[in-house]
Amino acid sequence: MAHEKFDKRFGMVAVEKQFITSEQLFNAIKIQINEDVAGDKHRLIGEVLMDEGYITQIQIDEVLNVLGLL
């Protein structure tokens, strides 16, 4: 059986590191979707989380580092 690789997403890493709650992530995703449907500029989930006051820039950098993006 072939093994599929599933990359972790930003929000899941932030929840695992206990920077945010799953409820905060869900709320940020709802905001992101509503903005996309309204035709607003797409914001990354980390940006939404920070704008909502759920996460700091230092925490964002740490998540990005875990994901190998920093």
N, C-alpha and C. Protein backbone atom coordinates (compact mmCIF):
# COMPACT_ATOMS: atom_id res chain seq x y z
N MET A 1 0.84 -1.17 0.00
CA MET A 1 0.00 0.00 0.00
C MET A 1 0.89 1.25 0.00
N ALA A 2 0.57 2.17 -0.86
CA ALA A 2 1.35 3.41 -0.96
C ALA A 2 1.01 4.32 0.22
N HIS A 3 2.03 4.99 0.72
CA HIS A 3 1.83 5.93 1.81
C HIS A 3 1.70 7.32 1.21
N GLU A 4 0.67 8.03 1.63
CA GLU A 4 0.49 9.40 1.18
C GLU A 4 1.08 10.33 2.23
N LYS A 5 1.71 11.38 1.76
CA LYS A 5 2.28 12.37 2.68
C LYS A 5 1.28 13.51 2.83
N PHE A 6 0.92 13.78 4.06
CA PHE A 6 0.02 14.89 4.35
C PHE A 6 0.81 15.96 5.08
N ASP A 7 0.96 17.12 4.46
CA ASP A 7 1.65 18.21 5.11
C ASP A 7 0.72 18.87 6.12
N LYS A 8 1.28 19.27 7.23
CA LYS A 8 0.49 19.98 8.23
C LYS A 8 0.20 21.38 7.73
N ARG A 9 -0.93 21.86 8.12
CA ARG A 9 -1.34 23.20 7.75
C ARG A 9 -1.00 24.16 8.88
N PHE A 10 -0.91 25.44 8.53
CA PHE A 10 -0.55 26.47 9.49
C PHE A 10 -1.42 26.41 10.74
N GLY A 11 -2.73 26.39 10.54
CA GLY A 11 -3.66 26.42 11.67
C GLY A 11 -3.52 25.23 12.59
N MET A 12 -3.31 24.06 12.02
CA MET A 12 -3.18 22.86 12.84
C MET A 12 -1.90 22.91 13.69
N VAL A 13 -0.82 23.41 13.12
CA VAL A 13 0.41 23.55 13.89
C VAL A 13 0.21 24.56 15.02
N ALA A 14 -0.46 25.65 14.73
CA ALA A 14 -0.71 26.67 15.76
C ALA A 14 -1.55 26.10 16.89
N VAL A 15 -2.53 25.26 16.57
CA VAL A 15 -3.35 24.62 17.61
C VAL A 15 -2.51 23.62 18.40
N GLU A 16 -1.72 22.80 17.70
CA GLU A 16 -0.88 21.82 18.37
C GLU A 16 0.11 22.47 19.33
N LYS A 17 0.61 23.65 18.95
CA LYS A 17 1.57 24.36 19.81
C LYS A 17 0.84 25.16 20.89
N GLN A 18 -0.47 25.08 20.89
CA GLN A 18 -1.33 25.77 21.86
C GLN A 18 -1.21 27.28 21.80
N PHE A 19 -0.92 27.79 20.60
CA PHE A 19 -0.91 29.24 20.40
C PHE A 19 -2.34 29.74 20.26
N ILE A 20 -3.22 28.91 19.68
CA ILE A 20 -4.63 29.24 19.48
C ILE A 20 -5.46 28.03 19.84
N THR A 21 -6.76 28.26 19.99
CA THR A 21 -7.69 27.15 20.22
C THR A 21 -8.29 26.73 18.89
N SER A 22 -8.89 25.56 18.88
CA SER A 22 -9.56 25.11 17.66
C SER A 22 -10.73 26.03 17.32
N GLU A 23 -11.37 26.60 18.33
CA GLU A 23 -12.47 27.54 18.09
C GLU A 23 -11.96 28.81 17.42
N GLN A 24 -10.80 29.29 17.85
CA GLN A 24 -10.22 30.48 17.21
C GLN A 24 -9.84 30.18 15.76
N LEU A 25 -9.31 29.00 15.51
CA LEU A 25 -8.97 28.62 14.14
C LEU A 25 -10.23 28.56 13.29
N PHE A 26 -11.28 27.93 13.81
CA PHE A 26 -12.54 27.82 13.07
C PHE A 26 -13.09 29.21 12.75
N ASN A 27 -13.04 30.12 13.73
CA ASN A 27 -13.53 31.48 13.50
C ASN A 27 -12.71 32.17 12.41
N ALA A 28 -11.39 32.00 12.45
CA ALA A 28 -10.53 32.64 11.45
C ALA A 28 -10.81 32.07 10.05
N ILE A 29 -11.06 30.77 9.97
CA ILE A 29 -11.38 30.16 8.67
C ILE A 29 -12.70 30.71 8.15
N LYS A 30 -13.69 30.87 9.03
CA LYS A 30 -14.98 31.45 8.61
C LYS A 30 -14.78 32.86 8.07
N ILE A 31 -13.96 33.66 8.77
CA ILE A 31 -13.67 35.02 8.31
C ILE A 31 -13.02 34.98 6.93
N GLN A 32 -12.02 34.10 6.77
CA GLN A 32 -11.30 33.98 5.51
C GLN A 32 -12.26 33.60 4.37
N ILE A 33 -13.13 32.63 4.62
CA ILE A 33 -14.08 32.19 3.59
C ILE A 33 -15.05 33.31 3.25
N ASN A 34 -15.59 33.99 4.27
CA ASN A 34 -16.52 35.08 4.02
C ASN A 34 -15.88 36.19 3.19
N GLU A 35 -14.63 36.51 3.48
CA GLU A 35 -13.92 37.53 2.70
C GLU A 35 -13.71 37.07 1.26
N ASP A 36 -13.36 35.80 1.08
CA ASP A 36 -13.16 35.26 -0.27
C ASP A 36 -14.46 35.30 -1.06
N VAL A 37 -15.56 34.90 -0.44
CA VAL A 37 -16.86 34.89 -1.12
C VAL A 37 -17.29 36.31 -1.48
N ALA A 38 -16.97 37.27 -0.61
CA ALA A 38 -17.32 38.66 -0.86
C ALA A 38 -16.44 39.31 -1.93
N GLY A 39 -15.40 38.60 -2.36
CA GLY A 39 -14.50 39.14 -3.37
C GLY A 39 -13.42 40.04 -2.81
N ASP A 40 -13.28 40.03 -1.49
CA ASP A 40 -12.22 40.83 -0.86
C ASP A 40 -10.87 40.18 -1.13
N LYS A 41 -9.81 40.94 -0.84
CA LYS A 41 -8.45 40.42 -0.99
C LYS A 41 -8.27 39.21 -0.08
N HIS A 42 -7.71 38.14 -0.63
CA HIS A 42 -7.47 36.93 0.15
C HIS A 42 -6.36 37.17 1.17
N ARG A 43 -6.64 36.83 2.43
CA ARG A 43 -5.64 36.94 3.48
C ARG A 43 -5.27 35.53 3.93
N LEU A 44 -3.99 35.34 4.21
CA LEU A 44 -3.53 34.07 4.76
C LEU A 44 -4.10 33.89 6.16
N ILE A 45 -4.27 32.64 6.57
CA ILE A 45 -4.90 32.36 7.85
C ILE A 45 -4.11 32.97 9.01
N GLY A 46 -2.80 32.99 8.92
CA GLY A 46 -1.99 33.62 9.96
C GLY A 46 -2.27 35.10 10.09
N GLU A 47 -2.50 35.75 8.97
CA GLU A 47 -2.82 37.18 8.98
C GLU A 47 -4.18 37.41 9.65
N VAL A 48 -5.15 36.56 9.32
CA VAL A 48 -6.47 36.68 9.94
C VAL A 48 -6.36 36.46 11.44
N LEU A 49 -5.63 35.43 11.84
CA LEU A 49 -5.46 35.13 13.26
C LEU A 49 -4.80 36.29 14.00
N MET A 50 -3.80 36.91 13.39
CA MET A 50 -3.12 38.02 14.03
C MET A 50 -4.03 39.25 14.09
N ASP A 51 -4.75 39.53 13.00
CA ASP A 51 -5.65 40.68 13.00
C ASP A 51 -6.78 40.53 14.03
N GLU A 52 -7.16 39.29 14.32
CA GLU A 52 -8.19 39.04 15.34
C GLU A 52 -7.61 39.04 16.75
N GLY A 53 -6.29 39.17 16.88
CA GLY A 53 -5.65 39.21 18.18
C GLY A 53 -5.44 37.86 18.82
N TYR A 54 -5.50 36.80 18.00
CA TYR A 54 -5.37 35.43 18.52
C TYR A 54 -3.92 34.96 18.59
N ILE A 55 -3.04 35.55 17.81
CA ILE A 55 -1.68 35.05 17.68
C ILE A 55 -0.73 36.23 17.47
N THR A 56 0.51 36.07 17.88
CA THR A 56 1.50 37.14 17.72
C THR A 56 2.40 36.85 16.51
N GLN A 57 3.12 37.86 16.09
CA GLN A 57 4.07 37.68 14.98
C GLN A 57 5.15 36.67 15.35
N ILE A 58 5.59 36.69 16.59
CA ILE A 58 6.62 35.73 17.02
C ILE A 58 6.08 34.30 16.91
N GLN A 59 4.83 34.10 17.31
CA GLN A 59 4.21 32.77 17.20
C GLN A 59 4.04 32.37 15.74
N ILE A 60 3.66 33.32 14.88
CA ILE A 60 3.54 33.03 13.44
C ILE A 60 4.88 32.56 12.90
N ASP A 61 5.94 33.28 13.27
CA ASP A 61 7.28 32.90 12.81
C ASP A 61 7.66 31.50 13.28
N GLU A 62 7.28 31.16 14.50
CA GLU A 62 7.59 29.83 15.02
C GLU A 62 6.84 28.74 14.24
N VAL A 63 5.57 29.00 13.92
CA VAL A 63 4.80 28.04 13.12
C VAL A 63 5.42 27.90 11.73
N LEU A 64 5.76 29.01 11.12
CA LEU A 64 6.39 28.96 9.79
C LEU A 64 7.72 28.21 9.84
N ASN A 65 8.45 28.34 10.92
CA ASN A 65 9.70 27.63 11.09
C ASN A 65 9.44 26.12 11.17
N VAL A 66 8.43 25.71 11.91
CA VAL A 66 8.05 24.30 12.00
C VAL A 66 7.69 23.76 10.64
N LEU A 67 7.00 24.57 9.85
CA LEU A 67 6.57 24.14 8.51
C LEU A 67 7.70 24.21 7.49
N GLY A 68 8.87 24.72 7.90
CA GLY A 68 10.00 24.83 6.99
C GLY A 68 9.87 25.97 6.00
N LEU A 69 9.09 26.98 6.38
CA LEU A 69 8.84 28.11 5.47
C LEU A 69 9.57 29.37 5.89
N LEU A 70 10.38 29.25 6.92
CA LEU A 70 11.09 30.44 7.42
C LEU A 70 12.55 30.10 7.62
